[in-house]
N, C-alpha and C. Protein backbone atom coordinates (compact mmCIF):
# COMPACT_ATOMS: atom_id res chain seq x y z
N UNK A 1 66.05 -11.02 -100.63
CA UNK A 1 66.13 -11.45 -102.01
C UNK A 1 67.45 -12.21 -102.21
N UNK A 2 67.33 -13.35 -102.84
CA UNK A 2 68.53 -14.09 -103.19
C UNK A 2 69.24 -13.35 -104.31
N UNK A 3 70.54 -13.15 -104.14
CA UNK A 3 71.29 -12.35 -105.11
C UNK A 3 71.24 -13.01 -106.49
N UNK A 4 70.84 -12.19 -107.49
CA UNK A 4 70.84 -12.67 -108.87
C UNK A 4 69.67 -13.58 -109.24
N UNK A 5 68.62 -13.61 -108.44
CA UNK A 5 67.45 -14.45 -108.78
C UNK A 5 66.24 -13.56 -109.04
N UNK A 6 65.47 -13.94 -110.05
CA UNK A 6 64.23 -13.23 -110.34
C UNK A 6 63.13 -13.86 -109.49
N UNK A 7 62.60 -13.06 -108.59
CA UNK A 7 61.52 -13.50 -107.71
C UNK A 7 60.31 -12.60 -107.96
N UNK A 8 59.13 -12.98 -107.47
CA UNK A 8 57.98 -12.08 -107.62
C UNK A 8 58.25 -10.69 -107.04
N UNK A 9 59.01 -10.60 -105.96
CA UNK A 9 59.34 -9.30 -105.37
C UNK A 9 60.22 -8.49 -106.32
N UNK A 10 61.18 -9.11 -106.98
CA UNK A 10 62.05 -8.42 -107.94
C UNK A 10 61.23 -7.93 -109.13
N UNK A 11 60.28 -8.75 -109.58
CA UNK A 11 59.42 -8.35 -110.70
C UNK A 11 58.58 -7.13 -110.31
N UNK A 12 58.05 -7.11 -109.10
CA UNK A 12 57.26 -5.98 -108.61
C UNK A 12 58.14 -4.74 -108.49
N UNK A 13 59.35 -4.94 -107.93
CA UNK A 13 60.24 -3.80 -107.70
C UNK A 13 60.77 -3.20 -109.00
N UNK A 14 61.03 -4.03 -110.03
CA UNK A 14 61.52 -3.47 -111.29
C UNK A 14 60.45 -2.58 -111.90
N UNK A 15 59.20 -2.99 -111.80
CA UNK A 15 58.10 -2.16 -112.31
C UNK A 15 58.07 -0.81 -111.56
N UNK A 16 58.12 -0.87 -110.23
CA UNK A 16 58.05 0.35 -109.42
C UNK A 16 59.23 1.29 -109.70
N UNK A 17 60.42 0.72 -109.84
CA UNK A 17 61.61 1.54 -110.09
C UNK A 17 61.56 2.21 -111.45
N UNK A 18 61.17 1.47 -112.48
CA UNK A 18 61.11 2.06 -113.82
C UNK A 18 59.95 3.05 -113.91
N UNK A 19 58.83 2.77 -113.23
CA UNK A 19 57.70 3.72 -113.22
C UNK A 19 58.12 5.03 -112.56
N UNK A 20 59.02 4.94 -111.57
CA UNK A 20 59.51 6.13 -110.87
C UNK A 20 60.69 6.78 -111.60
N UNK A 21 60.97 6.34 -112.83
CA UNK A 21 61.99 6.93 -113.72
C UNK A 21 63.42 6.71 -113.25
N UNK A 22 63.69 5.61 -112.54
CA UNK A 22 65.06 5.30 -112.18
C UNK A 22 65.79 4.81 -113.43
N UNK A 23 67.05 5.24 -113.59
CA UNK A 23 67.83 4.75 -114.72
C UNK A 23 68.34 3.34 -114.40
N UNK A 24 68.93 2.68 -115.39
CA UNK A 24 69.34 1.28 -115.22
C UNK A 24 70.40 1.09 -114.13
N UNK A 25 71.33 2.03 -114.02
CA UNK A 25 72.35 1.92 -112.98
C UNK A 25 71.70 1.98 -111.60
N UNK A 26 70.77 2.91 -111.42
CA UNK A 26 70.06 3.01 -110.13
C UNK A 26 69.23 1.76 -109.85
N UNK A 27 68.60 1.23 -110.89
CA UNK A 27 67.82 0.00 -110.75
C UNK A 27 68.71 -1.13 -110.24
N UNK A 28 69.89 -1.26 -110.86
CA UNK A 28 70.83 -2.31 -110.46
C UNK A 28 71.24 -2.14 -108.99
N UNK A 29 71.49 -0.91 -108.59
CA UNK A 29 71.87 -0.67 -107.20
C UNK A 29 70.74 -1.05 -106.25
N UNK A 30 69.50 -0.69 -106.58
CA UNK A 30 68.36 -1.02 -105.73
C UNK A 30 68.10 -2.52 -105.67
N UNK A 31 68.35 -3.22 -106.77
CA UNK A 31 68.10 -4.66 -106.80
C UNK A 31 69.33 -5.47 -106.41
N UNK A 32 70.44 -4.80 -106.19
CA UNK A 32 71.71 -5.45 -105.83
C UNK A 32 72.12 -6.48 -106.88
N UNK A 33 72.06 -6.04 -108.14
CA UNK A 33 72.49 -6.90 -109.26
C UNK A 33 73.45 -6.08 -110.13
N UNK A 34 74.18 -6.77 -110.98
CA UNK A 34 75.09 -6.08 -111.90
C UNK A 34 74.30 -5.65 -113.14
N UNK A 35 74.88 -4.71 -113.87
CA UNK A 35 74.23 -4.29 -115.12
C UNK A 35 74.16 -5.44 -116.11
N UNK A 36 75.18 -6.28 -116.13
CA UNK A 36 75.15 -7.41 -117.08
C UNK A 36 74.01 -8.36 -116.74
N UNK A 37 73.74 -8.55 -115.44
CA UNK A 37 72.60 -9.39 -115.04
C UNK A 37 71.30 -8.76 -115.52
N UNK A 38 71.16 -7.45 -115.31
CA UNK A 38 69.95 -6.76 -115.77
C UNK A 38 69.74 -6.99 -117.26
N UNK A 39 70.78 -6.76 -118.05
CA UNK A 39 70.65 -6.91 -119.50
C UNK A 39 70.42 -8.36 -119.91
N UNK A 40 71.00 -9.30 -119.18
CA UNK A 40 70.73 -10.72 -119.46
C UNK A 40 69.25 -11.03 -119.24
N UNK A 41 68.68 -10.53 -118.14
CA UNK A 41 67.27 -10.78 -117.85
C UNK A 41 66.34 -10.12 -118.85
N UNK A 42 66.81 -9.03 -119.48
CA UNK A 42 65.99 -8.29 -120.43
C UNK A 42 66.14 -8.77 -121.88
N UNK A 43 67.27 -9.36 -122.20
CA UNK A 43 67.57 -9.73 -123.59
C UNK A 43 67.00 -11.10 -123.95
N UNK A 44 66.12 -11.12 -124.94
CA UNK A 44 65.50 -12.39 -125.34
C UNK A 44 66.52 -13.35 -125.95
N UNK A 45 67.69 -12.86 -126.36
CA UNK A 45 68.71 -13.74 -126.91
C UNK A 45 69.62 -14.34 -125.83
N UNK A 46 69.44 -13.91 -124.58
CA UNK A 46 70.27 -14.42 -123.49
C UNK A 46 69.65 -15.69 -122.91
N UNK A 47 70.49 -16.65 -122.52
CA UNK A 47 69.95 -17.85 -121.87
C UNK A 47 69.34 -17.53 -120.49
N UNK A 48 69.67 -16.36 -119.93
CA UNK A 48 69.13 -15.95 -118.62
C UNK A 48 67.91 -15.05 -118.75
N UNK A 49 67.39 -14.89 -119.98
CA UNK A 49 66.23 -14.04 -120.23
C UNK A 49 65.06 -14.46 -119.35
N UNK A 50 64.36 -13.44 -118.81
CA UNK A 50 63.19 -13.70 -117.97
C UNK A 50 62.03 -12.85 -118.49
N UNK A 51 61.06 -13.49 -119.13
CA UNK A 51 59.99 -12.75 -119.82
C UNK A 51 59.14 -11.92 -118.86
N UNK A 52 58.80 -12.43 -117.68
CA UNK A 52 57.98 -11.66 -116.74
C UNK A 52 58.73 -10.42 -116.26
N UNK A 53 60.02 -10.57 -116.01
CA UNK A 53 60.85 -9.45 -115.59
C UNK A 53 60.88 -8.40 -116.69
N UNK A 54 61.13 -8.83 -117.93
CA UNK A 54 61.21 -7.93 -119.07
C UNK A 54 59.89 -7.19 -119.29
N UNK A 55 58.78 -7.90 -119.18
CA UNK A 55 57.45 -7.29 -119.35
C UNK A 55 57.19 -6.26 -118.25
N UNK A 56 57.56 -6.56 -117.03
CA UNK A 56 57.38 -5.65 -115.91
C UNK A 56 58.23 -4.39 -116.10
N UNK A 57 59.44 -4.58 -116.58
CA UNK A 57 60.36 -3.48 -116.87
C UNK A 57 59.73 -2.55 -117.92
N UNK A 58 59.26 -3.12 -119.03
CA UNK A 58 58.66 -2.33 -120.11
C UNK A 58 57.38 -1.63 -119.65
N UNK A 59 56.55 -2.33 -118.86
CA UNK A 59 55.31 -1.75 -118.35
C UNK A 59 55.61 -0.56 -117.44
N UNK A 60 56.67 -0.66 -116.63
CA UNK A 60 57.08 0.45 -115.77
C UNK A 60 57.48 1.67 -116.58
N UNK A 61 58.22 1.46 -117.67
CA UNK A 61 58.63 2.56 -118.54
C UNK A 61 57.40 3.21 -119.17
N UNK A 62 56.50 2.39 -119.69
CA UNK A 62 55.28 2.90 -120.32
C UNK A 62 54.44 3.71 -119.33
N UNK A 63 54.27 3.18 -118.13
CA UNK A 63 53.47 3.87 -117.12
C UNK A 63 54.13 5.16 -116.66
N UNK A 64 55.47 5.19 -116.63
CA UNK A 64 56.15 6.43 -116.23
C UNK A 64 55.92 7.50 -117.28
N UNK A 65 55.94 7.14 -118.55
CA UNK A 65 55.69 8.11 -119.62
C UNK A 65 54.26 8.64 -119.54
N UNK A 66 53.32 7.74 -119.28
CA UNK A 66 51.92 8.15 -119.14
C UNK A 66 51.77 9.09 -117.95
N UNK A 67 52.40 8.75 -116.83
CA UNK A 67 52.32 9.59 -115.64
C UNK A 67 52.93 10.96 -115.87
N UNK A 68 54.06 11.00 -116.55
CA UNK A 68 54.71 12.29 -116.85
C UNK A 68 53.85 13.12 -117.80
N UNK A 69 53.25 12.44 -118.78
CA UNK A 69 52.39 13.16 -119.72
C UNK A 69 51.18 13.74 -118.99
N UNK A 70 50.58 12.95 -118.09
CA UNK A 70 49.43 13.43 -117.32
C UNK A 70 49.82 14.61 -116.44
N UNK A 71 50.99 14.52 -115.80
CA UNK A 71 51.47 15.60 -114.95
C UNK A 71 51.71 16.87 -115.76
N UNK A 72 52.34 16.72 -116.92
CA UNK A 72 52.60 17.88 -117.77
C UNK A 72 51.30 18.49 -118.28
N UNK A 73 50.35 17.64 -118.66
CA UNK A 73 49.05 18.13 -119.13
C UNK A 73 48.33 18.88 -118.03
N UNK A 74 48.37 18.34 -116.83
CA UNK A 74 47.72 19.00 -115.69
C UNK A 74 48.35 20.37 -115.43
N UNK A 75 49.67 20.43 -115.47
CA UNK A 75 50.37 21.70 -115.25
C UNK A 75 50.03 22.69 -116.35
N UNK A 76 49.94 22.20 -117.58
CA UNK A 76 49.61 23.07 -118.70
C UNK A 76 48.19 23.61 -118.57
N UNK A 77 47.26 22.76 -118.17
CA UNK A 77 45.88 23.20 -117.98
C UNK A 77 45.80 24.25 -116.88
N UNK A 78 46.54 24.04 -115.79
CA UNK A 78 46.55 25.04 -114.72
C UNK A 78 47.12 26.37 -115.23
N UNK A 79 48.11 26.29 -116.11
CA UNK A 79 48.69 27.50 -116.68
C UNK A 79 47.67 28.20 -117.57
N UNK A 80 46.89 27.42 -118.32
CA UNK A 80 45.87 27.99 -119.19
C UNK A 80 44.79 28.68 -118.37
N UNK A 81 44.42 28.05 -117.27
CA UNK A 81 43.36 28.59 -116.43
C UNK A 81 43.83 29.78 -115.60
N UNK A 82 45.09 29.86 -115.39
CA UNK A 82 45.61 30.83 -114.43
C UNK A 82 45.58 30.13 -113.09
N UNK A 83 46.54 30.38 -112.26
CA UNK A 83 46.59 29.64 -111.00
C UNK A 83 47.04 30.56 -109.88
N UNK A 84 46.62 30.19 -108.70
CA UNK A 84 47.05 30.91 -107.50
C UNK A 84 48.13 30.04 -106.87
N UNK A 85 49.28 30.63 -106.61
CA UNK A 85 50.35 29.90 -105.95
C UNK A 85 50.67 30.57 -104.63
N UNK A 86 51.12 29.76 -103.71
CA UNK A 86 51.43 30.28 -102.39
C UNK A 86 52.83 29.83 -102.00
N UNK A 87 53.64 30.78 -101.56
CA UNK A 87 54.99 30.49 -101.09
C UNK A 87 55.01 30.79 -99.60
N UNK A 88 55.44 29.81 -98.81
CA UNK A 88 55.48 30.00 -97.37
C UNK A 88 56.92 29.90 -96.90
N UNK A 89 57.36 30.87 -96.12
CA UNK A 89 58.72 30.90 -95.57
C UNK A 89 58.64 30.60 -94.07
N UNK A 90 59.56 29.78 -93.59
CA UNK A 90 59.60 29.40 -92.18
C UNK A 90 60.93 29.82 -91.57
N UNK A 91 60.92 30.06 -90.26
CA UNK A 91 62.18 30.31 -89.56
C UNK A 91 62.71 28.96 -89.07
N UNK A 92 63.82 28.99 -88.34
CA UNK A 92 64.48 27.76 -87.88
C UNK A 92 63.59 26.94 -86.95
N UNK A 93 62.63 27.58 -86.29
CA UNK A 93 61.74 26.86 -85.36
C UNK A 93 60.51 26.31 -86.06
N UNK A 94 60.38 26.53 -87.36
CA UNK A 94 59.22 26.05 -88.09
C UNK A 94 58.03 26.99 -88.06
N UNK A 95 58.24 28.20 -87.59
CA UNK A 95 57.17 29.20 -87.54
C UNK A 95 57.12 29.94 -88.87
N UNK A 96 55.91 30.15 -89.36
CA UNK A 96 55.74 30.88 -90.62
C UNK A 96 56.16 32.33 -90.43
N UNK A 97 57.09 32.78 -91.28
CA UNK A 97 57.57 34.16 -91.18
C UNK A 97 57.02 35.03 -92.31
N UNK A 98 56.68 34.40 -93.42
CA UNK A 98 56.21 35.17 -94.57
C UNK A 98 55.36 34.26 -95.45
N UNK A 99 54.30 34.85 -95.96
CA UNK A 99 53.42 34.12 -96.87
C UNK A 99 53.18 35.00 -98.09
N UNK A 100 53.52 34.49 -99.27
CA UNK A 100 53.35 35.25 -100.50
C UNK A 100 52.36 34.49 -101.38
N UNK A 101 51.26 35.17 -101.74
CA UNK A 101 50.27 34.57 -102.63
C UNK A 101 50.35 35.30 -103.96
N UNK A 102 50.52 34.55 -105.03
CA UNK A 102 50.61 35.11 -106.37
C UNK A 102 49.46 34.58 -107.22
N UNK A 103 48.85 35.43 -107.97
CA UNK A 103 47.82 35.02 -108.92
C UNK A 103 48.42 35.15 -110.30
N UNK A 104 48.60 34.03 -110.97
CA UNK A 104 49.18 34.04 -112.31
C UNK A 104 48.07 34.16 -113.35
N UNK A 105 48.29 35.00 -114.33
CA UNK A 105 47.31 35.20 -115.39
C UNK A 105 47.23 33.96 -116.27
N UNK A 106 46.07 33.71 -116.84
CA UNK A 106 45.94 32.59 -117.77
C UNK A 106 46.85 32.79 -118.98
N UNK A 107 47.28 31.71 -119.57
CA UNK A 107 48.18 31.77 -120.71
C UNK A 107 47.48 31.28 -121.97
N UNK A 108 47.14 32.19 -122.86
CA UNK A 108 46.51 31.82 -124.12
C UNK A 108 47.53 31.06 -124.98
N UNK A 109 48.80 31.44 -124.89
CA UNK A 109 49.84 30.73 -125.65
C UNK A 109 49.90 29.26 -125.28
N UNK A 110 49.77 28.97 -123.99
CA UNK A 110 49.77 27.57 -123.55
C UNK A 110 48.52 26.86 -124.04
N UNK A 111 47.40 27.57 -124.09
CA UNK A 111 46.17 26.98 -124.62
C UNK A 111 46.37 26.57 -126.07
N UNK A 112 46.96 27.43 -126.86
CA UNK A 112 47.20 27.12 -128.26
C UNK A 112 48.14 25.91 -128.37
N UNK A 113 49.20 25.88 -127.55
CA UNK A 113 50.13 24.74 -127.58
C UNK A 113 49.42 23.43 -127.25
N UNK A 114 48.56 23.46 -126.24
CA UNK A 114 47.83 22.26 -125.86
C UNK A 114 46.92 21.81 -126.98
N UNK A 115 46.22 22.74 -127.58
CA UNK A 115 45.32 22.37 -128.69
C UNK A 115 46.11 21.84 -129.88
N UNK A 116 47.27 22.42 -130.17
CA UNK A 116 48.10 21.91 -131.27
C UNK A 116 48.53 20.48 -130.99
N UNK A 117 48.79 20.18 -129.74
CA UNK A 117 49.24 18.84 -129.37
C UNK A 117 48.09 17.83 -129.38
N UNK A 118 46.95 18.20 -128.79
CA UNK A 118 45.85 17.25 -128.62
C UNK A 118 44.90 17.19 -129.80
N UNK A 119 44.75 18.29 -130.50
CA UNK A 119 43.78 18.34 -131.60
C UNK A 119 44.31 19.19 -132.74
N UNK A 120 45.36 18.72 -133.44
CA UNK A 120 45.96 19.53 -134.49
C UNK A 120 44.97 19.90 -135.60
N UNK A 121 44.02 19.01 -135.87
CA UNK A 121 43.04 19.31 -136.92
C UNK A 121 42.17 20.51 -136.54
N UNK A 122 42.04 20.75 -135.26
CA UNK A 122 41.25 21.86 -134.75
C UNK A 122 41.89 23.20 -135.10
N UNK A 123 43.21 23.21 -135.20
CA UNK A 123 43.94 24.45 -135.48
C UNK A 123 44.53 24.44 -136.88
N UNK A 124 43.84 23.82 -137.83
CA UNK A 124 44.40 23.73 -139.18
C UNK A 124 44.68 25.12 -139.74
N UNK A 125 45.78 25.22 -140.43
CA UNK A 125 46.20 26.51 -140.98
C UNK A 125 45.50 26.74 -142.32
N UNK A 126 45.09 27.95 -142.57
CA UNK A 126 44.49 28.29 -143.86
C UNK A 126 45.38 29.34 -144.54
N UNK A 127 45.15 29.53 -145.83
CA UNK A 127 45.96 30.50 -146.55
C UNK A 127 45.40 31.91 -146.41
N UNK A 128 44.27 32.05 -145.72
CA UNK A 128 43.67 33.36 -145.53
C UNK A 128 44.49 34.17 -144.53
N UNK A 129 44.45 35.51 -144.67
CA UNK A 129 45.16 36.34 -143.68
C UNK A 129 44.55 36.13 -142.29
N UNK A 130 45.36 36.27 -141.29
CA UNK A 130 44.87 36.06 -139.93
C UNK A 130 44.56 37.39 -139.27
N UNK A 131 43.64 37.34 -138.35
CA UNK A 131 43.24 38.51 -137.60
C UNK A 131 43.84 38.41 -136.21
N UNK A 132 44.50 39.43 -135.76
CA UNK A 132 45.08 39.43 -134.42
C UNK A 132 44.18 40.26 -133.52
N UNK A 133 43.73 39.64 -132.44
CA UNK A 133 42.91 40.36 -131.47
C UNK A 133 43.46 40.09 -130.08
N UNK A 134 43.12 40.94 -129.16
CA UNK A 134 43.50 40.73 -127.77
C UNK A 134 42.39 39.94 -127.11
N UNK A 135 42.76 38.80 -126.54
CA UNK A 135 41.77 37.94 -125.89
C UNK A 135 41.69 38.35 -124.43
N UNK A 136 40.47 38.57 -123.92
CA UNK A 136 40.35 38.94 -122.50
C UNK A 136 40.83 37.80 -121.62
N UNK A 137 41.26 38.11 -120.39
CA UNK A 137 41.75 37.05 -119.50
C UNK A 137 40.68 35.99 -119.28
N UNK A 138 41.12 34.75 -119.27
CA UNK A 138 40.22 33.62 -119.01
C UNK A 138 40.07 33.49 -117.50
N UNK A 139 38.88 33.22 -117.05
CA UNK A 139 38.66 33.13 -115.61
C UNK A 139 39.22 31.83 -115.05
N UNK A 140 39.58 31.85 -113.78
CA UNK A 140 40.05 30.64 -113.12
C UNK A 140 38.94 29.60 -113.13
N UNK A 141 39.31 28.34 -113.19
CA UNK A 141 38.34 27.27 -113.16
C UNK A 141 37.77 26.93 -114.53
N UNK A 142 38.30 27.51 -115.59
CA UNK A 142 37.80 27.24 -116.93
C UNK A 142 38.18 25.82 -117.33
N UNK A 143 37.19 25.06 -117.79
CA UNK A 143 37.48 23.69 -118.19
C UNK A 143 38.14 23.68 -119.57
N UNK A 144 38.72 22.55 -119.92
CA UNK A 144 39.38 22.41 -121.21
C UNK A 144 38.35 22.61 -122.34
N UNK A 145 37.15 22.05 -122.18
CA UNK A 145 36.11 22.21 -123.20
C UNK A 145 35.71 23.67 -123.35
N UNK A 146 35.58 24.40 -122.23
CA UNK A 146 35.24 25.82 -122.30
C UNK A 146 36.36 26.60 -122.99
N UNK A 147 37.60 26.24 -122.72
CA UNK A 147 38.74 26.90 -123.37
C UNK A 147 38.71 26.65 -124.87
N UNK A 148 38.39 25.43 -125.28
CA UNK A 148 38.29 25.13 -126.71
C UNK A 148 37.19 25.97 -127.36
N UNK A 149 36.05 26.10 -126.68
CA UNK A 149 34.95 26.90 -127.22
C UNK A 149 35.38 28.35 -127.39
N UNK A 150 36.05 28.91 -126.37
CA UNK A 150 36.53 30.29 -126.47
C UNK A 150 37.48 30.46 -127.65
N UNK A 151 38.37 29.50 -127.83
CA UNK A 151 39.33 29.60 -128.92
C UNK A 151 38.62 29.49 -130.27
N UNK A 152 37.63 28.60 -130.37
CA UNK A 152 36.86 28.48 -131.61
C UNK A 152 36.16 29.80 -131.93
N UNK A 153 35.58 30.42 -130.90
CA UNK A 153 34.92 31.71 -131.10
C UNK A 153 35.93 32.74 -131.61
N UNK A 154 37.11 32.70 -131.05
CA UNK A 154 38.19 33.61 -131.46
C UNK A 154 38.50 33.40 -132.94
N UNK A 155 38.58 32.15 -133.38
CA UNK A 155 38.91 31.85 -134.78
C UNK A 155 37.79 32.27 -135.73
N UNK A 156 36.56 32.23 -135.25
CA UNK A 156 35.43 32.53 -136.12
C UNK A 156 34.99 33.99 -136.05
N UNK A 157 35.73 34.82 -135.33
CA UNK A 157 35.36 36.23 -135.19
C UNK A 157 35.36 36.89 -136.57
N UNK A 158 34.31 37.68 -136.87
CA UNK A 158 34.24 38.34 -138.19
C UNK A 158 35.34 39.40 -138.34
N UNK A 159 35.73 39.65 -139.57
CA UNK A 159 36.76 40.68 -139.85
C UNK A 159 36.31 42.05 -139.47
């Protein structure tokens, strides 16, 4: 890459770096440019502004947020379903010395948080007194739709 020039490779790399959540200082180091050059290429008021570079930069940020949201949602769903985790310990030669398998219980609290985030109208608050019941453990492999149905049934339980 020619130092300080916007090339198709630089446009591709800025997208990849921002999508991978690199901060601006790290981006500059990877592209071998100064921070002032980065800001010149991004600022529409600069004579060195580069629209394709700026668009790629913004698209990388947007895609990183989407990726993080998807990752967090996936982790939350696994927490709602309950998950089996495995911890493997190795010795210096790479031989397995210990294997620990844990079965985590489903989290109804996480289910409520997810529903509040994705479908707030679904959990609308009423002025009526609430009924507290113990919800039986949700089985592993429960889909999001099945979890919503269980929660709806919980809300509609007679007094």
